[in-house]
Amino acid sequence: MKKWTSCALTSVLAISLLAPSASFAEPNEKASPQAHVQYPVLTKAKKPEEVGFSSEKLEKVDQLIEKEVAAGFPGAALIVIKDGKIVKNESYGYKQKFDGQTPLKKFLKMENDTLFDLASNTKMYAANFALQKLASEGKLDIHARVQEYIPEFKDSEADVIKGKDTMRIIDVLHHTAGFKPDPQYHNPKVSKELYSQEREKTIENINKTPLTYEPGTQNVYSDVDYMLLGTIVEKITGQKLDEYVENELYKPLNLKDTVFNPLQKGFKSKEIAATELLGNTRDGVIDFPNIRTYTLQGEVHDEKAFYSMEGVSGHAGLFSTTSDLAVLLQVMLNGGGYGNEKLFDEETIEEFVAPSEKNATYGLGWRINGNDSMDWMFSKYASDSAYGHTGWTGTVTIIDPEQDLGIVLLTNKKHSPLVNPAANSNQFFGDLFTTGSYGSVVTAVYEALESN
């Protein structure tokens, strides 16, 4: 893990350089009891060249995204941090263009403080951050069996494939637990006896969800893994996941825009980027009980999170802004803290971002730039040790410790019609643009570094 330079440490003293409009507020003045050091905090670079970027080449990033917005891409927000400094913080396009399938007379402009549905980036900035904190505090042993935290999680006689009795936390974090990718608890046609649109019942049903392979033998990305991990956080802390992360992680960092269920916590829909036009219907081809049919704006898009988990789950449900996420990226680059606050220790980070033996592109939850197959996300320029995650709604975060670099690109690419819903109910027009596939924007940011 990259150590801080003296220049980065002095940036702590330079918080006043931040533009007044930036939301990178200094963490709470009262130091957390476990803090032993003052960590660097983000400041605004006077110009990109100060940290090795070319202003001219960074403008090409703007041109790339703006050209796609002009061609119909909904909107995006981008922040780039390097060496503890904010190099770029821009928004593009629109947070809302449609009400249903009808275009608005006046599109709502995207802004730097627009909240986005992070989708699976929730797995990292809610569940993983919580697990990393609990592991650092000795409250979680990732090598322990799941059963030690959830006694009712066990094999039944009817299970065709056994393995719950011996499944470890690390198996779940590596996505090698044995679960199918998406059991669709919200949809009785798919989930059958596991159907649930009640949070407590869903949590019980996670324990009953059958395995599709023996734990540790395959690597299959599954939302169930993080639904289970979220409930483990709740078992250890005695708090609902949103209460724990908002009070124990985000509040100490003075992050006010990183929340589950934002509409229930004082935010207005106009402050949030809209997603699917007709609820979860995929332009009318999908149906299940209580399905939403209106344009989603401020409610989590993910069906299991919204219908089955009351909007709060370890796999999806978190909303945030580029500015808040930049702070969370800096926590990782700093080795676990920010300002006066220590969330977890550097050794825990190193353990969580180490590549798994089963698949070099997976750490403990984090996706790793382990080989060329990850170029679509990380670009060909990222360090081998770079890590991050993506989210189905159109979100990507990249953390490159060797370069002391962090990139957050948030888009609302799903706020667009489907290309052909009958043929593919998951392909939206927004998916067809390079901005929505991440790699081109990430590549352009790396190419703006003078060293490339």
Protein backbone atom coordinates (compact mmCIF):
# COMPACT_ATOMS: atom_id res chain seq x y z
CA MET A 1 0.00 0.00 0.00
CA LYS A 2 1.35 3.42 -0.92
CA LYS A 3 2.83 5.44 1.94
CA TRP A 4 2.07 9.14 2.19
CA THR A 5 4.54 11.71 0.98
CA SER A 6 5.41 14.73 3.10
CA CYS A 7 3.61 16.79 0.49
CA ALA A 8 0.43 14.78 1.03
CA LEU A 9 0.67 15.16 4.77
CA THR A 10 0.99 18.91 4.55
CA SER A 11 -2.23 18.91 2.55
CA VAL A 12 -4.02 18.37 5.86
CA LEU A 13 -3.18 21.94 6.70
CA ALA A 14 -4.39 23.22 3.37
CA ILE A 15 -8.10 22.43 3.66
CA SER A 16 -8.85 26.11 3.21
CA LEU A 17 -7.83 25.80 -0.43
CA LEU A 18 -11.13 24.10 -1.17
CA ALA A 19 -13.58 26.03 -3.27
CA PRO A 20 -16.54 27.20 -1.18
CA SER A 21 -18.92 25.15 -3.31
CA ALA A 22 -17.08 21.89 -2.71
CA SER A 23 -18.57 19.52 -0.19
CA PHE A 24 -15.29 18.09 1.07
CA ALA A 25 -15.89 19.28 4.61
CA GLU A 26 -13.27 18.50 7.21
CA PRO A 27 -14.17 15.53 9.41
CA ASN A 28 -15.54 16.08 12.88
CA GLU A 29 -13.06 18.04 14.99
CA LYS A 30 -13.26 15.65 17.89
CA ALA A 31 -10.85 12.84 17.13
CA SER A 32 -12.18 9.32 17.21
CA PRO A 33 -10.75 7.40 20.20
CA GLN A 34 -8.87 4.93 18.02
CA ALA A 35 -7.20 7.59 15.86
CA HIS A 36 -3.44 7.74 16.35
CA VAL A 37 -2.50 9.90 13.40
CA GLN A 38 -3.85 12.75 11.34
CA TYR A 39 -4.53 11.55 7.82
CA PRO A 40 -4.37 13.65 4.64
CA VAL A 41 -7.60 15.34 3.58
CA LEU A 42 -8.57 16.33 0.07
CA THR A 43 -7.74 19.80 -1.16
CA LYS A 44 -8.32 21.35 -4.57
CA ALA A 45 -5.41 21.47 -7.00
CA LYS A 46 -4.76 25.00 -8.26
CA LYS A 47 -4.23 23.48 -11.70
CA PRO A 48 -3.96 19.88 -12.98
CA GLU A 49 -0.26 20.28 -13.77
CA GLU A 50 0.38 20.57 -10.02
CA VAL A 51 -0.07 16.80 -9.70
CA GLY A 52 1.15 15.70 -13.12
CA PHE A 53 -1.97 16.05 -15.28
CA SER A 54 -2.26 17.93 -18.55
CA SER A 55 -5.10 20.48 -18.57
CA GLU A 56 -5.32 20.15 -22.33
CA LYS A 57 -5.63 16.37 -22.23
CA LEU A 58 -8.20 16.51 -19.43
CA GLU A 59 -10.35 18.65 -21.70
CA LYS A 60 -10.50 15.64 -24.04
CA VAL A 61 -12.33 13.78 -21.28
CA ASP A 62 -14.94 16.56 -21.23
CA GLN A 63 -15.21 16.49 -25.01
CA LEU A 64 -15.71 12.70 -25.04
CA ILE A 65 -18.60 12.82 -22.56
CA GLU A 66 -20.16 16.02 -23.92
CA LYS A 67 -20.18 14.58 -27.44
CA GLU A 68 -22.09 11.54 -26.17
CA VAL A 69 -24.56 13.69 -24.23
CA ALA A 70 -25.23 15.58 -27.45
CA ALA A 71 -25.89 12.22 -29.12
CA GLY A 72 -28.41 11.18 -26.46
CA PHE A 73 -26.50 9.87 -23.44
CA PRO A 74 -28.42 11.00 -20.32
CA GLY A 75 -25.81 12.36 -17.93
CA ALA A 76 -22.71 11.84 -15.81
CA ALA A 77 -20.55 13.24 -13.04
CA LEU A 78 -16.80 12.72 -12.79
CA ILE A 79 -14.25 13.41 -10.09
CA VAL A 80 -10.51 12.70 -10.25
CA ILE A 81 -8.18 12.87 -7.26
CA LYS A 82 -4.40 12.51 -7.22
CA ASP A 83 -1.81 12.95 -4.48
CA GLY A 84 -4.55 14.09 -2.11
CA LYS A 85 -5.79 16.80 -4.47
CA ILE A 86 -9.00 17.18 -6.44
CA VAL A 87 -7.92 17.51 -10.06
CA LYS A 88 -11.31 17.45 -11.76
CA ASN A 89 -14.90 17.69 -10.55
CA GLU A 90 -17.39 18.03 -13.41
CA SER A 91 -20.96 17.16 -14.29
CA TYR A 92 -22.40 16.54 -17.74
CA GLY A 93 -25.82 16.26 -19.33
CA TYR A 94 -29.01 15.77 -17.38
CA LYS A 95 -30.26 14.16 -14.18
CA GLN A 96 -33.72 13.73 -15.72
CA LYS A 97 -34.85 13.82 -19.35
CA PHE A 98 -38.06 11.77 -19.22
CA ASP A 99 -41.23 11.39 -17.22
CA GLY A 100 -42.26 7.90 -18.20
CA GLN A 101 -41.46 7.68 -21.89
CA THR A 102 -42.39 11.33 -22.47
CA PRO A 103 -39.44 13.73 -22.80
CA LEU A 104 -39.58 16.67 -20.38
CA LYS A 105 -40.12 20.09 -21.92
CA LYS A 106 -37.02 21.19 -20.05
CA PHE A 107 -34.40 18.62 -19.07
CA LEU A 108 -33.10 18.81 -15.48
CA LYS A 109 -29.39 19.64 -15.62
CA MET A 110 -26.86 17.38 -13.93
CA GLU A 111 -24.94 19.08 -11.11
CA ASN A 112 -21.79 18.28 -9.16
CA ASP A 113 -23.85 17.56 -6.04
CA THR A 114 -26.41 15.30 -7.74
CA LEU A 115 -26.97 12.02 -5.88
CA PHE A 116 -26.73 8.78 -7.85
CA ASP A 117 -28.01 5.27 -7.24
CA LEU A 118 -24.67 3.47 -6.78
CA ALA A 119 -26.10 -0.03 -7.40
CA SER A 120 -23.33 -2.59 -6.72
CA ASN A 121 -20.83 0.04 -5.59
CA THR A 122 -22.96 -0.28 -2.43
CA LYS A 123 -21.14 -3.57 -1.89
CA MET A 124 -17.88 -1.67 -1.38
CA TYR A 125 -18.80 1.63 0.26
CA ALA A 126 -21.41 0.22 2.62
CA ALA A 127 -20.86 -3.52 3.21
CA ASN A 128 -17.10 -3.72 2.62
CA PHE A 129 -16.31 -0.53 4.53
CA ALA A 130 -18.36 -1.88 7.44
CA LEU A 131 -16.69 -5.29 7.28
CA GLN A 132 -13.22 -3.71 7.04
CA LYS A 133 -13.97 -1.62 10.13
CA LEU A 134 -15.33 -4.58 12.08
CA ALA A 135 -12.35 -6.74 11.07
CA SER A 136 -9.93 -3.99 12.16
CA GLU A 137 -11.69 -3.80 15.52
CA GLY A 138 -11.47 -7.56 16.03
CA LYS A 139 -15.24 -7.97 15.87
CA LEU A 140 -15.16 -9.98 12.63
CA ASP A 141 -12.94 -12.90 11.67
CA ILE A 142 -13.11 -13.33 7.90
CA HIS A 143 -11.82 -16.91 8.24
CA ALA A 144 -14.63 -17.87 10.60
CA ARG A 145 -17.68 -19.79 9.42
CA VAL A 146 -20.80 -17.82 8.53
CA GLN A 147 -22.61 -19.99 11.07
CA GLU A 148 -20.64 -18.42 13.93
CA TYR A 149 -22.41 -15.11 13.20
CA ILE A 150 -25.72 -16.50 11.94
CA PRO A 151 -26.40 -19.78 13.81
CA GLU A 152 -29.49 -20.50 11.71
CA PHE A 153 -27.38 -20.53 8.53
CA LYS A 154 -26.88 -24.27 8.05
CA ASP A 155 -27.41 -27.20 5.74
CA SER A 156 -30.76 -28.92 5.72
CA GLU A 157 -31.43 -32.56 4.91
CA ALA A 158 -33.24 -31.50 1.75
CA ASP A 159 -30.23 -29.59 0.36
CA VAL A 160 -28.88 -31.31 -2.73
CA ILE A 161 -25.55 -29.49 -2.40
CA LYS A 162 -24.18 -29.17 1.12
CA GLY A 163 -21.66 -26.61 2.32
CA LYS A 164 -23.39 -24.02 4.48
CA ASP A 165 -22.12 -25.64 7.67
CA THR A 166 -18.51 -25.08 6.60
CA MET A 167 -18.87 -21.90 4.50
CA ARG A 168 -16.53 -19.12 5.67
CA ILE A 169 -16.90 -15.36 5.47
CA ILE A 170 -13.93 -15.27 3.09
CA ASP A 171 -15.76 -17.63 0.69
CA VAL A 172 -18.66 -15.18 0.56
CA LEU A 173 -16.35 -12.17 0.05
CA HIS A 174 -14.56 -13.95 -2.80
CA HIS A 175 -17.89 -14.74 -4.52
CA THR A 176 -17.10 -18.44 -4.16
CA ALA A 177 -19.88 -19.25 -1.69
CA GLY A 178 -22.06 -21.33 -4.02
CA PHE A 179 -25.05 -19.05 -4.57
CA LYS A 180 -26.69 -18.37 -7.93
CA PRO A 181 -26.25 -14.77 -9.19
CA ASP A 182 -29.84 -13.60 -8.76
CA PRO A 183 -32.62 -15.62 -7.09
CA GLN A 184 -35.09 -12.71 -7.57
CA TYR A 185 -36.69 -12.99 -4.13
CA HIS A 186 -39.15 -10.25 -5.19
CA ASN A 187 -40.58 -12.25 -8.09
CA PRO A 188 -42.63 -15.37 -7.21
CA LYS A 189 -42.40 -16.70 -10.79
CA VAL A 190 -38.64 -17.06 -10.30
CA SER A 191 -38.09 -17.40 -6.55
CA LYS A 192 -41.09 -19.68 -5.91
CA GLU A 193 -40.94 -20.80 -2.24
CA LEU A 194 -38.25 -18.17 -1.54
CA TYR A 195 -40.56 -15.31 -2.59
CA SER A 196 -40.56 -12.39 -0.19
CA GLN A 197 -41.31 -8.68 -0.21
CA GLU A 198 -40.77 -8.34 3.55
CA ARG A 199 -37.28 -7.60 4.86
CA GLU A 200 -37.21 -9.99 7.82
CA LYS A 201 -38.67 -12.81 5.77
CA THR A 202 -36.14 -12.18 3.00
CA ILE A 203 -33.27 -12.41 5.50
CA GLU A 204 -34.68 -15.76 6.64
CA ASN A 205 -34.95 -16.85 3.00
CA ILE A 206 -31.29 -15.98 2.32
CA ASN A 207 -30.41 -18.65 4.89
CA LYS A 208 -32.66 -21.12 3.03
CA THR A 209 -31.36 -20.29 -0.47
CA PRO A 210 -29.91 -23.49 -1.99
CA LEU A 211 -26.31 -23.68 -3.14
CA THR A 212 -25.59 -24.33 -6.81
CA TYR A 213 -22.01 -25.53 -6.25
CA GLU A 214 -19.81 -26.51 -3.32
CA PRO A 215 -18.27 -23.43 -1.63
CA GLY A 216 -14.74 -22.62 -2.76
CA THR A 217 -14.88 -24.66 -5.97
CA GLN A 218 -16.10 -21.95 -8.38
CA ASN A 219 -16.16 -18.17 -8.68
CA VAL A 220 -19.65 -16.84 -9.48
CA TYR A 221 -20.53 -13.18 -8.80
CA SER A 222 -23.74 -13.16 -6.76
CA ASP A 223 -25.86 -10.49 -5.11
CA VAL A 224 -26.83 -13.07 -2.48
CA ASP A 225 -23.25 -12.97 -1.17
CA TYR A 226 -23.58 -9.31 -0.22
CA MET A 227 -27.15 -9.61 1.01
CA LEU A 228 -25.74 -12.21 3.42
CA LEU A 229 -22.73 -10.04 4.33
CA GLY A 230 -25.02 -7.10 5.04
CA THR A 231 -27.01 -9.21 7.50
CA ILE A 232 -23.76 -10.32 9.17
CA VAL A 233 -22.91 -6.64 9.76
CA GLU A 234 -26.35 -6.22 11.33
CA LYS A 235 -25.86 -9.30 13.55
CA ILE A 236 -22.48 -8.07 14.83
CA THR A 237 -23.49 -4.45 15.38
CA GLY A 238 -27.09 -4.90 16.45
CA GLN A 239 -28.01 -2.10 14.05
CA LYS A 240 -29.71 -1.98 10.67
CA LEU A 241 -27.06 -1.60 7.96
CA ASP A 242 -28.01 1.96 7.00
CA GLU A 243 -27.94 3.12 10.63
CA TYR A 244 -24.52 1.59 11.20
CA VAL A 245 -22.75 2.89 8.09
CA GLU A 246 -24.36 6.33 8.18
CA ASN A 247 -23.54 6.89 11.87
CA GLU A 248 -20.25 5.01 12.23
CA LEU A 249 -18.65 5.58 8.81
CA TYR A 250 -20.09 8.55 6.96
CA LYS A 251 -21.04 10.89 9.80
CA PRO A 252 -17.52 10.95 11.32
CA LEU A 253 -16.22 11.92 7.85
CA ASN A 254 -18.89 14.65 7.64
CA LEU A 255 -20.42 13.03 4.54
CA LYS A 256 -24.01 14.23 4.34
CA ASP A 257 -24.95 12.92 0.88
CA THR A 258 -24.19 9.21 1.29
CA VAL A 259 -27.39 7.48 2.41
CA PHE A 260 -29.83 4.66 1.88
CA ASN A 261 -33.44 5.65 1.09
CA PRO A 262 -32.64 9.36 0.47
CA LEU A 263 -36.30 10.35 -0.03
CA GLN A 264 -37.00 9.18 3.53
CA LYS A 265 -34.07 11.22 4.88
CA GLY A 266 -34.79 14.74 3.71
CA PHE A 267 -33.66 14.65 0.08
CA LYS A 268 -35.94 15.67 -2.79
CA SER A 269 -36.25 13.69 -6.00
CA LYS A 270 -34.99 16.66 -8.05
CA GLU A 271 -31.64 16.35 -6.24
CA ILE A 272 -31.15 12.79 -7.51
CA ALA A 273 -30.36 11.37 -10.94
CA ALA A 274 -33.32 9.47 -12.43
CA THR A 275 -32.95 5.89 -13.61
CA GLU A 276 -35.42 3.57 -15.38
CA LEU A 277 -38.29 5.29 -17.21
CA LEU A 278 -41.11 2.86 -16.36
CA GLY A 279 -40.20 1.52 -12.94
CA ASN A 280 -38.84 -2.03 -13.13
CA THR A 281 -41.02 -3.03 -16.09
CA ARG A 282 -38.30 -2.82 -18.76
CA ASP A 283 -40.60 -0.80 -20.98
CA GLY A 284 -43.50 -3.10 -20.12
CA VAL A 285 -42.12 -6.62 -20.63
CA ILE A 286 -41.53 -7.47 -16.93
CA ASP A 287 -44.25 -7.90 -14.32
CA PHE A 288 -44.45 -9.09 -10.71
CA PRO A 289 -46.47 -8.10 -7.61
CA ASN A 290 -46.26 -4.40 -6.61
CA ILE A 291 -43.99 -3.53 -9.51
CA ARG A 292 -43.28 0.18 -9.93
CA THR A 293 -44.30 1.69 -13.26
CA TYR A 294 -43.21 5.32 -12.78
CA THR A 295 -39.84 6.93 -13.50
CA LEU A 296 -37.45 6.07 -10.68
CA GLN A 297 -35.77 9.02 -9.03
CA GLY A 298 -34.50 8.64 -5.48
CA GLU A 299 -35.70 5.06 -4.98
CA VAL A 300 -33.16 2.29 -5.43
CA HIS A 301 -33.56 0.67 -8.83
CA ASP A 302 -32.44 -2.80 -7.75
CA GLU A 303 -35.50 -4.99 -7.31
CA LYS A 304 -34.25 -7.18 -4.46
CA ALA A 305 -33.10 -4.11 -2.52
CA PHE A 306 -36.32 -2.14 -3.03
CA TYR A 307 -39.07 -4.76 -2.79
CA SER A 308 -37.46 -7.41 -0.60
CA MET A 309 -35.10 -5.41 1.67
CA GLU A 310 -36.91 -2.07 2.25
CA GLY A 311 -34.20 -0.27 0.28
CA VAL A 312 -31.39 -1.30 2.65
CA SER A 313 -29.15 -4.19 1.63
CA GLY A 314 -25.47 -5.05 1.45
CA HIS A 315 -25.62 -5.49 -2.32
CA ALA A 316 -27.48 -2.33 -3.42
CA GLY A 317 -29.37 0.69 -2.12
CA LEU A 318 -26.69 3.29 -1.36
CA PHE A 319 -26.88 6.75 -2.94
CA SER A 320 -24.01 9.22 -3.03
CA THR A 321 -22.25 12.03 -4.88
CA THR A 322 -18.86 12.16 -6.56
CA SER A 323 -17.60 14.50 -3.82
CA ASP A 324 -18.52 12.13 -0.99
CA LEU A 325 -17.14 9.10 -2.80
CA ALA A 326 -13.86 10.91 -3.41
CA VAL A 327 -13.45 11.11 0.37
CA LEU A 328 -14.12 7.37 0.70
CA LEU A 329 -11.54 6.68 -2.02
CA GLN A 330 -9.05 8.87 -0.17
CA VAL A 331 -9.69 6.84 3.00
CA MET A 332 -8.47 3.77 1.08
CA LEU A 333 -5.48 5.62 -0.40
CA ASN A 334 -4.61 6.96 3.07
CA GLY A 335 -4.49 3.49 4.57
CA GLY A 336 -7.80 3.61 6.41
CA GLY A 337 -8.44 7.11 7.71
CA TYR A 338 -9.21 10.72 6.87
CA GLY A 339 -8.34 13.79 8.93
CA ASN A 340 -8.81 12.88 12.60
CA GLU A 341 -10.84 9.76 11.85
CA LYS A 342 -9.52 6.22 11.55
CA LEU A 343 -12.03 3.74 10.10
CA PHE A 344 -9.78 0.70 9.74
CA ASP A 345 -6.11 -0.23 9.60
CA GLU A 346 -3.83 -0.54 6.60
CA GLU A 347 -3.25 -4.27 7.14
CA THR A 348 -6.99 -4.88 6.75
CA ILE A 349 -7.02 -2.96 3.46
CA GLU A 350 -4.12 -5.03 2.18
CA GLU A 351 -5.97 -8.22 3.07
CA PHE A 352 -9.17 -7.06 1.35
CA VAL A 353 -7.49 -5.96 -1.90
CA ALA A 354 -5.22 -8.99 -2.29
CA PRO A 355 -6.17 -11.09 -5.35
CA SER A 356 -7.82 -14.42 -4.65
CA GLU A 357 -6.16 -17.68 -5.68
CA LYS A 358 -9.31 -18.74 -7.52
CA ASN A 359 -9.55 -15.60 -9.69
CA ALA A 360 -6.90 -12.85 -9.80
CA THR A 361 -9.53 -10.23 -10.69
CA TYR A 362 -11.32 -10.65 -7.33
CA GLY A 363 -10.16 -9.49 -3.94
CA LEU A 364 -12.42 -9.62 -0.91
CA GLY A 365 -15.35 -8.02 -2.69
CA TRP A 366 -13.14 -5.55 -4.54
CA ARG A 367 -12.52 -6.12 -8.25
CA ILE A 368 -8.80 -6.17 -8.97
CA ASN A 369 -6.90 -5.22 -12.13
CA GLY A 370 -5.49 -8.74 -12.06
CA ASN A 371 -5.10 -9.34 -15.80
CA ASP A 372 -5.98 -7.98 -19.26
CA SER A 373 -9.58 -9.15 -18.94
CA MET A 374 -10.21 -6.09 -16.73
CA ASP A 375 -9.03 -3.49 -19.28
CA TRP A 376 -12.69 -2.69 -20.07
CA MET A 377 -12.96 -1.23 -16.56
CA PHE A 378 -9.46 -0.17 -15.51
CA SER A 379 -7.94 0.68 -18.95
CA LYS A 380 -4.56 -0.61 -20.08
CA TYR A 381 -2.78 2.10 -18.08
CA ALA A 382 -3.87 1.23 -14.55
CA SER A 383 -1.37 -0.35 -12.17
CA ASP A 384 -1.63 -4.08 -11.54
CA SER A 385 -2.61 -3.27 -7.96
CA ALA A 386 -5.52 -0.98 -8.95
CA TYR A 387 -8.90 -2.00 -7.60
CA GLY A 388 -12.49 -0.74 -7.58
CA HIS A 389 -16.03 -1.77 -8.51
CA THR A 390 -18.89 -1.08 -10.90
CA GLY A 391 -22.64 -0.72 -10.52
CA TRP A 392 -25.42 -1.76 -12.92
CA THR A 393 -27.01 1.70 -13.00
CA GLY A 394 -23.82 3.10 -14.56
CA THR A 395 -21.27 3.70 -11.81
CA VAL A 396 -17.55 2.92 -11.56
CA THR A 397 -14.83 3.69 -9.04
CA ILE A 398 -11.11 3.15 -9.58
CA ILE A 399 -8.46 3.28 -6.86
CA ASP A 400 -4.83 3.09 -8.01
CA PRO A 401 -2.50 3.13 -4.99
CA GLU A 402 0.70 3.08 -7.06
CA GLN A 403 -0.36 6.29 -8.79
CA ASP A 404 -2.05 7.70 -5.64
CA LEU A 405 -5.03 8.16 -7.97
CA GLY A 406 -8.79 7.83 -7.59
CA ILE A 407 -11.49 8.11 -10.27
CA VAL A 408 -15.26 8.15 -9.75
CA LEU A 409 -17.57 8.17 -12.77
CA LEU A 410 -21.28 8.15 -11.97
CA THR A 411 -23.84 7.98 -14.78
CA ASN A 412 -27.58 7.48 -15.10
CA LYS A 413 -27.26 5.48 -18.31
CA LYS A 414 -30.40 3.47 -17.50
CA HIS A 415 -32.45 6.70 -17.77
CA SER A 416 -33.14 5.88 -21.41
CA PRO A 417 -35.47 3.64 -23.42
CA LEU A 418 -34.63 -0.01 -24.00
CA VAL A 419 -33.16 -0.93 -27.36
CA ASN A 420 -35.40 -3.97 -27.89
CA PRO A 421 -37.09 -5.03 -24.64
CA ALA A 422 -38.58 -8.22 -26.09
CA ALA A 423 -35.16 -9.45 -27.25
CA ASN A 424 -33.07 -8.17 -24.30
CA SER A 425 -34.79 -6.69 -21.28
CA ASN A 426 -31.50 -5.45 -19.82
CA GLN A 427 -30.07 -3.40 -22.71
CA PHE A 428 -30.83 0.32 -22.55
CA PHE A 429 -29.84 2.91 -25.16
CA GLY A 430 -27.55 4.42 -22.54
CA ASP A 431 -25.58 1.15 -22.48
CA LEU A 432 -24.55 1.65 -26.10
CA PHE A 433 -22.37 4.69 -25.37
CA THR A 434 -18.70 4.43 -24.43
CA THR A 435 -19.26 6.66 -21.38
CA GLY A 436 -21.62 4.00 -20.06
CA SER A 437 -19.04 1.25 -20.51
CA TYR A 438 -16.52 3.16 -18.34
CA GLY A 439 -13.21 2.12 -19.92
CA SER A 440 -13.02 4.93 -22.47
CA VAL A 441 -13.43 7.64 -19.83
CA VAL A 442 -11.01 5.93 -17.44
CA THR A 443 -8.51 5.53 -20.31
CA ALA A 444 -8.82 9.22 -21.21
CA VAL A 445 -8.14 10.21 -17.59
CA TYR A 446 -5.01 8.05 -17.47
CA GLU A 447 -3.88 9.41 -20.84
CA ALA A 448 -4.12 12.93 -19.37
CA LEU A 449 -1.30 12.02 -16.97
CA GLU A 450 1.95 13.49 -18.30
CA SER A 451 3.72 10.23 -17.43
CA ASN A 452 1.62 8.30 -19.98
